[in-house]
Amino acid sequence: IAAAQHLIDGGYTSPRRLSIVGGSNGGLLVGAAMTQRPELFQAVGCHVPLLDMVRYHLFGSGKTWISEYGSADDPEQFKAIIAYSPYQKVKKGSAYPAMIMMSADSDDRVDPMHARKFTAAIQYATSSHRPVLFRLETNAGHGGGDMVKKQVEATIDEFAFLMQQLGMDPK
């Protein structure tokens, strides 16, 4: 958020020309940034993210990350977690940036329900008319498609989406 604000304040860019992209833990960062300061970004690319920090430890390998993220079951830690958890920060009527959510159906590291729930919440809550898309890679894990062809297709889809949202000419 501070980096985006610095770029805007310094005249290097404007919110309608700024996008952010992150995956896995970076997806958590992107989700937090877009829910805390949606007006800073035109578009977001979010990959295989952890987004429901209140319940993450109840699914898949989430319980193994309690030492890193804390647990909402602890009242003191809950206060810190709820303050930034992207899923819980979605507010109806907010003008969220355009978003392409990239998920994988066989992700054994971060349960795909994070991406599904968050995408649905943003689609429901946003007051902007920007697209909110969900892209599911089949037969793929946390790193996305294992085949080069799948990786290329996913990258093309994301870049084309972000370029369109930023008003860039692909030529």
N, C-alpha and C. Protein backbone atom coordinates (compact mmCIF):
# COMPACT_ATOMS: atom_id res chain seq x y z
N ILE A 1 0.84 -1.19 0.00
CA ILE A 1 0.00 0.00 0.00
C ILE A 1 0.88 1.25 0.00
N ALA A 2 1.92 1.23 0.82
CA ALA A 2 2.82 2.39 0.88
C ALA A 2 3.54 2.58 -0.45
N ALA A 3 3.96 1.49 -1.08
CA ALA A 3 4.64 1.60 -2.37
C ALA A 3 3.70 2.16 -3.43
N ALA A 4 2.47 1.67 -3.46
CA ALA A 4 1.49 2.18 -4.43
C ALA A 4 1.23 3.67 -4.19
N GLN A 5 1.04 4.04 -2.94
CA GLN A 5 0.79 5.44 -2.61
C GLN A 5 1.98 6.32 -3.00
N HIS A 6 3.19 5.82 -2.79
CA HIS A 6 4.39 6.56 -3.17
C HIS A 6 4.44 6.78 -4.68
N LEU A 7 4.15 5.76 -5.45
CA LEU A 7 4.17 5.88 -6.91
C LEU A 7 3.12 6.88 -7.39
N ILE A 8 1.96 6.86 -6.76
CA ILE A 8 0.88 7.79 -7.14
C ILE A 8 1.24 9.21 -6.70
N ASP A 9 1.66 9.37 -5.45
CA ASP A 9 2.01 10.70 -4.93
C ASP A 9 3.18 11.32 -5.68
N GLY A 10 4.10 10.49 -6.14
CA GLY A 10 5.26 10.99 -6.88
C GLY A 10 4.97 11.29 -8.34
N GLY A 11 3.75 11.00 -8.79
CA GLY A 11 3.37 11.28 -10.17
C GLY A 11 3.89 10.25 -11.17
N TYR A 12 4.37 9.13 -10.68
CA TYR A 12 4.86 8.08 -11.57
C TYR A 12 3.73 7.34 -12.26
N THR A 13 2.60 7.27 -11.60
CA THR A 13 1.44 6.58 -12.15
C THR A 13 0.19 7.12 -11.49
N SER A 14 -0.94 6.56 -11.87
CA SER A 14 -2.22 6.89 -11.26
C SER A 14 -2.92 5.58 -10.94
N PRO A 15 -3.93 5.61 -10.08
CA PRO A 15 -4.62 4.36 -9.75
C PRO A 15 -5.18 3.64 -10.98
N ARG A 16 -5.62 4.37 -11.99
CA ARG A 16 -6.18 3.69 -13.16
C ARG A 16 -5.11 3.05 -14.05
N ARG A 17 -3.86 3.26 -13.72
CA ARG A 17 -2.73 2.65 -14.46
C ARG A 17 -1.90 1.71 -13.58
N LEU A 18 -2.44 1.34 -12.41
CA LEU A 18 -1.68 0.55 -11.47
C LEU A 18 -2.36 -0.78 -11.19
N SER A 19 -1.57 -1.84 -11.29
CA SER A 19 -2.08 -3.16 -10.92
C SER A 19 -1.10 -3.81 -9.96
N ILE A 20 -1.58 -4.81 -9.24
CA ILE A 20 -0.74 -5.59 -8.35
C ILE A 20 -1.01 -7.07 -8.63
N VAL A 21 0.04 -7.87 -8.45
CA VAL A 21 -0.04 -9.31 -8.69
C VAL A 21 0.70 -10.02 -7.58
N GLY A 22 0.13 -11.12 -7.10
CA GLY A 22 0.81 -11.92 -6.10
C GLY A 22 0.22 -13.31 -6.02
N GLY A 23 1.06 -14.26 -5.63
CA GLY A 23 0.61 -15.63 -5.51
C GLY A 23 1.02 -16.25 -4.20
N SER A 24 0.22 -17.19 -3.73
CA SER A 24 0.43 -17.90 -2.49
C SER A 24 0.42 -16.88 -1.34
N ASN A 25 1.50 -16.73 -0.60
CA ASN A 25 1.54 -15.72 0.45
C ASN A 25 1.44 -14.32 -0.17
N GLY A 26 1.96 -14.16 -1.39
CA GLY A 26 1.80 -12.90 -2.11
C GLY A 26 0.34 -12.66 -2.49
N GLY A 27 -0.43 -13.73 -2.66
CA GLY A 27 -1.86 -13.61 -2.89
C GLY A 27 -2.57 -13.05 -1.67
N LEU A 28 -2.10 -13.46 -0.49
CA LEU A 28 -2.62 -12.89 0.75
C LEU A 28 -2.32 -11.39 0.80
N LEU A 29 -1.11 -11.01 0.43
CA LEU A 29 -0.72 -9.60 0.42
C LEU A 29 -1.59 -8.80 -0.55
N VAL A 30 -1.80 -9.33 -1.76
CA VAL A 30 -2.62 -8.66 -2.77
C VAL A 30 -4.06 -8.53 -2.28
N GLY A 31 -4.59 -9.61 -1.69
CA GLY A 31 -5.95 -9.56 -1.15
C GLY A 31 -6.10 -8.52 -0.05
N ALA A 32 -5.10 -8.44 0.82
CA ALA A 32 -5.14 -7.45 1.89
C ALA A 32 -5.07 -6.03 1.32
N ALA A 33 -4.20 -5.81 0.35
CA ALA A 33 -4.05 -4.48 -0.23
C ALA A 33 -5.34 -4.04 -0.93
N MET A 34 -5.94 -4.94 -1.70
CA MET A 34 -7.13 -4.54 -2.47
C MET A 34 -8.36 -4.35 -1.59
N THR A 35 -8.42 -5.02 -0.44
CA THR A 35 -9.57 -4.82 0.44
C THR A 35 -9.38 -3.63 1.37
N GLN A 36 -8.12 -3.32 1.70
CA GLN A 36 -7.86 -2.19 2.58
C GLN A 36 -7.87 -0.86 1.83
N ARG A 37 -7.34 -0.86 0.60
CA ARG A 37 -7.25 0.39 -0.18
C ARG A 37 -7.62 0.14 -1.64
N PRO A 38 -8.86 -0.24 -1.93
CA PRO A 38 -9.24 -0.59 -3.30
C PRO A 38 -9.08 0.56 -4.30
N GLU A 39 -9.14 1.77 -3.82
CA GLU A 39 -9.05 2.93 -4.72
C GLU A 39 -7.65 3.12 -5.31
N LEU A 40 -6.66 2.41 -4.79
CA LEU A 40 -5.29 2.57 -5.29
C LEU A 40 -5.01 1.77 -6.56
N PHE A 41 -5.87 0.80 -6.88
CA PHE A 41 -5.54 -0.15 -7.94
C PHE A 41 -6.65 -0.27 -8.98
N GLN A 42 -6.24 -0.36 -10.22
CA GLN A 42 -7.19 -0.60 -11.31
C GLN A 42 -7.47 -2.09 -11.45
N ALA A 43 -6.43 -2.89 -11.27
CA ALA A 43 -6.58 -4.33 -11.51
C ALA A 43 -5.68 -5.13 -10.59
N VAL A 44 -6.11 -6.38 -10.34
CA VAL A 44 -5.40 -7.27 -9.44
C VAL A 44 -5.30 -8.66 -10.08
N GLY A 45 -4.12 -9.26 -9.97
CA GLY A 45 -3.92 -10.66 -10.32
C GLY A 45 -3.59 -11.39 -9.04
N CYS A 46 -4.40 -12.35 -8.67
CA CYS A 46 -4.24 -13.06 -7.40
C CYS A 46 -4.16 -14.56 -7.68
N HIS A 47 -3.08 -15.20 -7.24
CA HIS A 47 -2.84 -16.62 -7.53
C HIS A 47 -2.86 -17.46 -6.26
N VAL A 48 -3.50 -18.59 -6.31
CA VAL A 48 -3.52 -19.61 -5.25
C VAL A 48 -3.34 -19.00 -3.85
N PRO A 49 -4.23 -18.08 -3.47
CA PRO A 49 -4.02 -17.32 -2.24
C PRO A 49 -4.62 -17.94 -0.99
N LEU A 50 -4.10 -17.51 0.11
CA LEU A 50 -4.64 -17.76 1.44
C LEU A 50 -5.38 -16.46 1.80
N LEU A 51 -6.70 -16.49 2.00
CA LEU A 51 -7.45 -15.25 2.18
C LEU A 51 -8.39 -15.22 3.39
N ASP A 52 -8.88 -16.37 3.82
CA ASP A 52 -9.73 -16.41 5.01
C ASP A 52 -8.83 -16.77 6.19
N MET A 53 -8.21 -15.77 6.77
CA MET A 53 -7.24 -16.01 7.83
C MET A 53 -7.88 -16.41 9.16
N VAL A 54 -9.17 -16.20 9.30
CA VAL A 54 -9.86 -16.61 10.51
C VAL A 54 -10.04 -18.13 10.53
N ARG A 55 -10.22 -18.73 9.34
CA ARG A 55 -10.50 -20.17 9.28
C ARG A 55 -9.44 -21.00 8.55
N TYR A 56 -8.36 -20.38 8.11
CA TYR A 56 -7.37 -21.09 7.28
C TYR A 56 -6.87 -22.37 7.93
N HIS A 57 -6.71 -22.35 9.24
CA HIS A 57 -6.12 -23.49 9.96
C HIS A 57 -7.06 -24.70 10.06
N LEU A 58 -8.29 -24.55 9.61
CA LEU A 58 -9.27 -25.63 9.67
C LEU A 58 -9.28 -26.48 8.39
N PHE A 59 -8.52 -26.07 7.38
CA PHE A 59 -8.57 -26.75 6.08
C PHE A 59 -7.18 -27.14 5.60
N GLY A 60 -7.11 -28.32 4.99
CA GLY A 60 -5.87 -28.78 4.37
C GLY A 60 -4.69 -28.72 5.32
N SER A 61 -3.57 -28.19 4.83
CA SER A 61 -2.37 -28.11 5.66
C SER A 61 -2.32 -26.84 6.49
N GLY A 62 -3.42 -26.12 6.57
CA GLY A 62 -3.46 -24.86 7.31
C GLY A 62 -2.96 -24.94 8.74
N LYS A 63 -3.27 -26.01 9.42
CA LYS A 63 -2.86 -26.12 10.83
C LYS A 63 -1.35 -26.10 10.99
N THR A 64 -0.61 -26.45 9.93
CA THR A 64 0.85 -26.44 10.02
C THR A 64 1.42 -25.03 9.95
N TRP A 65 0.61 -24.03 9.65
CA TRP A 65 1.09 -22.65 9.54
C TRP A 65 0.74 -21.79 10.75
N ILE A 66 0.17 -22.38 11.77
CA ILE A 66 -0.22 -21.59 12.95
C ILE A 66 0.97 -20.85 13.54
N SER A 67 2.15 -21.46 13.53
CA SER A 67 3.32 -20.78 14.09
C SER A 67 3.70 -19.54 13.26
N GLU A 68 3.32 -19.53 12.00
CA GLU A 68 3.64 -18.40 11.13
C GLU A 68 2.57 -17.31 11.17
N TYR A 69 1.28 -17.71 11.10
CA TYR A 69 0.19 -16.75 10.99
C TYR A 69 -0.59 -16.53 12.29
N GLY A 70 -0.43 -17.43 13.24
CA GLY A 70 -1.24 -17.35 14.45
C GLY A 70 -2.55 -18.09 14.26
N SER A 71 -3.36 -18.08 15.31
CA SER A 71 -4.63 -18.79 15.27
C SER A 71 -5.75 -17.89 15.78
N ALA A 72 -6.83 -17.87 15.06
CA ALA A 72 -8.00 -17.10 15.48
C ALA A 72 -8.64 -17.71 16.72
N ASP A 73 -8.23 -18.92 17.08
CA ASP A 73 -8.75 -19.55 18.29
C ASP A 73 -8.18 -18.89 19.55
N ASP A 74 -7.06 -18.20 19.41
CA ASP A 74 -6.45 -17.46 20.53
C ASP A 74 -7.03 -16.03 20.48
N PRO A 75 -7.72 -15.59 21.53
CA PRO A 75 -8.37 -14.27 21.50
C PRO A 75 -7.44 -13.10 21.17
N GLU A 76 -6.21 -13.13 21.65
CA GLU A 76 -5.27 -12.04 21.35
C GLU A 76 -4.84 -12.07 19.88
N GLN A 77 -4.55 -13.26 19.38
CA GLN A 77 -4.16 -13.38 17.98
C GLN A 77 -5.34 -13.08 17.06
N PHE A 78 -6.53 -13.42 17.49
CA PHE A 78 -7.72 -13.14 16.70
C PHE A 78 -7.82 -11.65 16.36
N LYS A 79 -7.51 -10.80 17.33
CA LYS A 79 -7.58 -9.35 17.12
C LYS A 79 -6.69 -8.91 15.96
N ALA A 80 -5.48 -9.45 15.92
CA ALA A 80 -4.55 -9.09 14.84
C ALA A 80 -5.00 -9.68 13.52
N ILE A 81 -5.45 -10.92 13.54
CA ILE A 81 -5.86 -11.61 12.31
C ILE A 81 -7.08 -10.94 11.68
N ILE A 82 -8.09 -10.67 12.47
CA ILE A 82 -9.32 -10.08 11.93
C ILE A 82 -9.07 -8.68 11.38
N ALA A 83 -8.03 -8.01 11.88
CA ALA A 83 -7.72 -6.65 11.43
C ALA A 83 -7.25 -6.61 9.98
N TYR A 84 -6.72 -7.72 9.45
CA TYR A 84 -6.22 -7.68 8.07
C TYR A 84 -6.77 -8.80 7.17
N SER A 85 -7.45 -9.79 7.70
CA SER A 85 -7.89 -10.93 6.90
C SER A 85 -8.72 -10.48 5.71
N PRO A 86 -8.22 -10.67 4.49
CA PRO A 86 -8.92 -10.15 3.31
C PRO A 86 -10.38 -10.58 3.18
N TYR A 87 -10.66 -11.85 3.41
CA TYR A 87 -12.04 -12.32 3.24
C TYR A 87 -12.99 -11.57 4.19
N GLN A 88 -12.57 -11.38 5.41
CA GLN A 88 -13.42 -10.70 6.38
C GLN A 88 -13.47 -9.18 6.15
N LYS A 89 -12.57 -8.64 5.35
CA LYS A 89 -12.52 -7.19 5.08
C LYS A 89 -13.38 -6.77 3.88
N VAL A 90 -13.92 -7.73 3.13
CA VAL A 90 -14.76 -7.39 1.98
C VAL A 90 -16.01 -6.67 2.49
N LYS A 91 -16.28 -5.49 1.90
CA LYS A 91 -17.42 -4.68 2.32
C LYS A 91 -18.33 -4.39 1.14
N LYS A 92 -19.60 -4.71 1.30
CA LYS A 92 -20.58 -4.44 0.25
C LYS A 92 -20.61 -2.94 -0.05
N GLY A 93 -20.62 -2.63 -1.35
CA GLY A 93 -20.67 -1.24 -1.77
C GLY A 93 -19.32 -0.63 -2.04
N SER A 94 -18.24 -1.34 -1.77
CA SER A 94 -16.90 -0.83 -2.09
C SER A 94 -16.64 -1.01 -3.58
N ALA A 95 -15.94 -0.05 -4.16
CA ALA A 95 -15.60 -0.12 -5.59
C ALA A 95 -14.26 -0.85 -5.73
N TYR A 96 -14.33 -2.16 -5.84
CA TYR A 96 -13.11 -2.96 -5.92
C TYR A 96 -12.51 -2.91 -7.32
N PRO A 97 -11.19 -3.11 -7.40
CA PRO A 97 -10.53 -3.15 -8.71
C PRO A 97 -10.97 -4.39 -9.48
N ALA A 98 -10.69 -4.38 -10.77
CA ALA A 98 -10.88 -5.59 -11.58
C ALA A 98 -9.96 -6.65 -11.00
N MET A 99 -10.39 -7.91 -11.08
CA MET A 99 -9.57 -8.97 -10.51
C MET A 99 -9.65 -10.23 -11.35
N ILE A 100 -8.50 -10.85 -11.53
CA ILE A 100 -8.47 -12.21 -12.07
C ILE A 100 -7.86 -13.09 -10.99
N MET A 101 -8.66 -14.04 -10.55
CA MET A 101 -8.26 -14.98 -9.50
C MET A 101 -7.81 -16.27 -10.19
N MET A 102 -6.60 -16.69 -9.91
CA MET A 102 -6.03 -17.90 -10.50
C MET A 102 -5.95 -18.96 -9.41
N SER A 103 -6.62 -20.10 -9.65
CA SER A 103 -6.63 -21.16 -8.65
C SER A 103 -6.38 -22.50 -9.33
N ALA A 104 -6.15 -23.52 -8.52
CA ALA A 104 -5.88 -24.87 -9.04
C ALA A 104 -6.74 -25.87 -8.28
N ASP A 105 -7.35 -26.77 -9.02
CA ASP A 105 -8.31 -27.69 -8.39
C ASP A 105 -7.68 -28.72 -7.48
N SER A 106 -6.40 -28.98 -7.63
CA SER A 106 -5.74 -30.01 -6.81
C SER A 106 -4.65 -29.41 -5.92
N ASP A 107 -4.81 -28.17 -5.54
CA ASP A 107 -3.83 -27.50 -4.68
C ASP A 107 -3.88 -28.13 -3.29
N ASP A 108 -2.80 -28.78 -2.89
CA ASP A 108 -2.77 -29.41 -1.57
C ASP A 108 -2.08 -28.52 -0.53
N ARG A 109 -1.61 -27.36 -0.94
CA ARG A 109 -0.97 -26.44 -0.02
C ARG A 109 -1.98 -25.41 0.50
N VAL A 110 -2.66 -24.73 -0.41
CA VAL A 110 -3.68 -23.75 -0.03
C VAL A 110 -5.00 -24.22 -0.64
N ASP A 111 -5.95 -24.52 0.22
CA ASP A 111 -7.24 -25.02 -0.25
C ASP A 111 -7.87 -24.02 -1.23
N PRO A 112 -8.30 -24.50 -2.41
CA PRO A 112 -8.90 -23.60 -3.41
C PRO A 112 -10.16 -22.88 -2.92
N MET A 113 -10.70 -23.31 -1.79
CA MET A 113 -11.89 -22.62 -1.27
C MET A 113 -11.58 -21.16 -0.94
N HIS A 114 -10.34 -20.84 -0.62
CA HIS A 114 -9.98 -19.44 -0.35
C HIS A 114 -10.25 -18.59 -1.58
N ALA A 115 -9.77 -19.05 -2.73
CA ALA A 115 -9.96 -18.31 -3.98
C ALA A 115 -11.43 -18.24 -4.37
N ARG A 116 -12.13 -19.35 -4.21
CA ARG A 116 -13.56 -19.39 -4.58
C ARG A 116 -14.38 -18.44 -3.71
N LYS A 117 -14.20 -18.53 -2.39
CA LYS A 117 -14.97 -17.71 -1.46
C LYS A 117 -14.70 -16.22 -1.68
N PHE A 118 -13.42 -15.89 -1.84
CA PHE A 118 -13.06 -14.49 -1.98
C PHE A 118 -13.61 -13.92 -3.29
N THR A 119 -13.46 -14.67 -4.37
CA THR A 119 -13.98 -14.21 -5.66
C THR A 119 -15.48 -13.97 -5.57
N ALA A 120 -16.21 -14.92 -5.00
CA ALA A 120 -17.66 -14.76 -4.86
C ALA A 120 -18.00 -13.55 -4.00
N ALA A 121 -17.26 -13.35 -2.92
CA ALA A 121 -17.51 -12.20 -2.04
C ALA A 121 -17.28 -10.88 -2.77
N ILE A 122 -16.19 -10.80 -3.54
CA ILE A 122 -15.91 -9.56 -4.29
C ILE A 122 -16.97 -9.34 -5.36
N GLN A 123 -17.35 -10.40 -6.09
CA GLN A 123 -18.39 -10.26 -7.11
C GLN A 123 -19.68 -9.73 -6.50
N TYR A 124 -20.03 -10.22 -5.34
CA TYR A 124 -21.25 -9.80 -4.67
C TYR A 124 -21.15 -8.37 -4.14
N ALA A 125 -20.02 -8.03 -3.56
CA ALA A 125 -19.89 -6.78 -2.82
C ALA A 125 -19.55 -5.56 -3.66
N THR A 126 -18.82 -5.74 -4.77
CA THR A 126 -18.28 -4.58 -5.47
C THR A 126 -19.37 -3.68 -6.06
N SER A 127 -19.12 -2.39 -5.98
CA SER A 127 -20.02 -1.42 -6.60
C SER A 127 -19.46 -0.95 -7.94
N SER A 128 -18.25 -1.38 -8.26
CA SER A 128 -17.68 -1.00 -9.55
C SER A 128 -18.22 -1.95 -10.62
N HIS A 129 -18.04 -1.57 -11.85
CA HIS A 129 -18.48 -2.43 -12.96
C HIS A 129 -17.29 -3.15 -13.58
N ARG A 130 -16.20 -3.21 -12.85
CA ARG A 130 -15.00 -3.88 -13.34
C ARG A 130 -15.19 -5.40 -13.22
N PRO A 131 -14.63 -6.15 -14.15
CA PRO A 131 -14.80 -7.60 -14.11
C PRO A 131 -14.05 -8.25 -12.94
N VAL A 132 -14.65 -9.29 -12.42
CA VAL A 132 -14.05 -10.11 -11.35
C VAL A 132 -14.14 -11.54 -11.86
N LEU A 133 -13.01 -12.08 -12.29
CA LEU A 133 -12.97 -13.38 -12.95
C LEU A 133 -12.28 -14.43 -12.09
N PHE A 134 -12.71 -15.67 -12.27
CA PHE A 134 -12.11 -16.81 -11.58
C PHE A 134 -11.61 -17.79 -12.63
N ARG A 135 -10.32 -18.11 -12.58
CA ARG A 135 -9.72 -19.05 -13.53
C ARG A 135 -9.21 -20.25 -12.76
N LEU A 136 -9.77 -21.42 -13.06
CA LEU A 136 -9.39 -22.65 -12.37
C LEU A 136 -8.57 -23.53 -13.30
N GLU A 137 -7.36 -23.83 -12.87
CA GLU A 137 -6.50 -24.76 -13.62
C GLU A 137 -6.86 -26.16 -13.15
N THR A 138 -7.20 -27.04 -14.09
CA THR A 138 -7.57 -28.40 -13.72
C THR A 138 -6.34 -29.30 -13.69
N ASN A 139 -6.42 -30.33 -12.86
CA ASN A 139 -5.32 -31.28 -12.69
C ASN A 139 -4.01 -30.57 -12.39
N ALA A 140 -4.10 -29.59 -11.50
CA ALA A 140 -2.92 -28.78 -11.18
C ALA A 140 -2.87 -28.53 -9.68
N GLY A 141 -1.66 -28.34 -9.18
CA GLY A 141 -1.45 -28.08 -7.77
C GLY A 141 -1.11 -26.63 -7.50
N HIS A 142 -0.44 -26.39 -6.39
CA HIS A 142 -0.15 -25.04 -5.92
C HIS A 142 0.70 -24.24 -6.92
N GLY A 143 1.55 -24.91 -7.65
CA GLY A 143 2.39 -24.21 -8.63
C GLY A 143 1.71 -24.00 -9.97
N GLY A 144 0.46 -24.38 -10.09
CA GLY A 144 -0.25 -24.23 -11.36
C GLY A 144 -0.04 -25.45 -12.22
N GLY A 145 -0.23 -25.28 -13.50
CA GLY A 145 -0.09 -26.39 -14.43
C GLY A 145 1.34 -26.88 -14.52
N ASP A 146 1.50 -28.19 -14.54
CA ASP A 146 2.85 -28.76 -14.64
C ASP A 146 3.38 -28.70 -16.07
N MET A 147 2.48 -28.66 -17.02
CA MET A 147 2.91 -28.61 -18.42
C MET A 147 3.21 -27.17 -18.82
N VAL A 148 4.23 -27.00 -19.62
CA VAL A 148 4.62 -25.66 -20.08
C VAL A 148 3.43 -25.01 -20.79
N LYS A 149 2.69 -25.78 -21.57
CA LYS A 149 1.54 -25.25 -22.30
C LYS A 149 0.53 -24.62 -21.33
N LYS A 150 0.24 -25.29 -20.21
CA LYS A 150 -0.70 -24.76 -19.23
C LYS A 150 -0.17 -23.47 -18.59
N GLN A 151 1.12 -23.44 -18.29
CA GLN A 151 1.72 -22.25 -17.69
C GLN A 151 1.66 -21.07 -18.66
N VAL A 152 1.94 -21.33 -19.91
CA VAL A 152 1.90 -20.27 -20.93
C VAL A 152 0.47 -19.74 -21.07
N GLU A 153 -0.50 -20.65 -21.15
CA GLU A 153 -1.90 -20.23 -21.30
C GLU A 153 -2.36 -19.39 -20.11
N ALA A 154 -1.99 -19.80 -18.90
CA ALA A 154 -2.39 -19.04 -17.71
C ALA A 154 -1.74 -17.66 -17.71
N THR A 155 -0.48 -17.59 -18.07
CA THR A 155 0.23 -16.30 -18.12
C THR A 155 -0.38 -15.38 -19.17
N ILE A 156 -0.70 -15.93 -20.32
CA ILE A 156 -1.33 -15.13 -21.38
C ILE A 156 -2.68 -14.60 -20.91
N ASP A 157 -3.49 -15.46 -20.30
CA ASP A 157 -4.80 -15.02 -19.81
C ASP A 157 -4.66 -13.88 -18.81
N GLU A 158 -3.73 -14.04 -17.87
CA GLU A 158 -3.56 -13.00 -16.85
C GLU A 158 -3.04 -11.70 -17.45
N PHE A 159 -2.00 -11.79 -18.27
CA PHE A 159 -1.43 -10.57 -18.85
C PHE A 159 -2.44 -9.87 -19.76
N ALA A 160 -3.18 -10.63 -20.55
CA ALA A 160 -4.19 -10.03 -21.43
C ALA A 160 -5.24 -9.31 -20.59
N PHE A 161 -5.68 -9.94 -19.51
CA PHE A 161 -6.67 -9.32 -18.64
C PHE A 161 -6.12 -8.02 -18.04
N LEU A 162 -4.92 -8.08 -17.46
CA LEU A 162 -4.35 -6.89 -16.82
C LEU A 162 -4.10 -5.79 -17.84
N MET A 163 -3.58 -6.15 -19.00
CA MET A 163 -3.33 -5.14 -20.02
C MET A 163 -4.63 -4.46 -20.46
N GLN A 164 -5.68 -5.25 -20.63
CA GLN A 164 -6.97 -4.67 -21.03
C GLN A 164 -7.48 -3.71 -19.95
N GLN A 165 -7.37 -4.12 -18.71
CA GLN A 165 -7.87 -3.28 -17.61
C GLN A 165 -7.07 -1.99 -17.46
N LEU A 166 -5.80 -2.05 -17.81
CA LEU A 166 -4.94 -0.86 -17.71
C LEU A 166 -4.96 0.00 -18.97
N GLY A 167 -5.75 -0.42 -19.96
CA GLY A 167 -5.86 0.34 -21.20
C GLY A 167 -4.62 0.27 -22.07
N MET A 168 -3.88 -0.83 -21.96
CA MET A 168 -2.65 -0.98 -22.73
C MET A 168 -2.96 -1.60 -24.09
N ASP A 169 -2.24 -1.15 -25.11
CA ASP A 169 -2.35 -1.70 -26.45
C ASP A 169 -1.35 -2.85 -26.57
N PRO A 170 -1.80 -4.07 -26.80
CA PRO A 170 -0.87 -5.20 -26.85
C PRO A 170 0.12 -5.14 -28.01
N LYS A 171 -0.06 -4.23 -28.91
CA LYS A 171 0.88 -4.08 -30.03
C LYS A 171 2.14 -3.43 -29.52
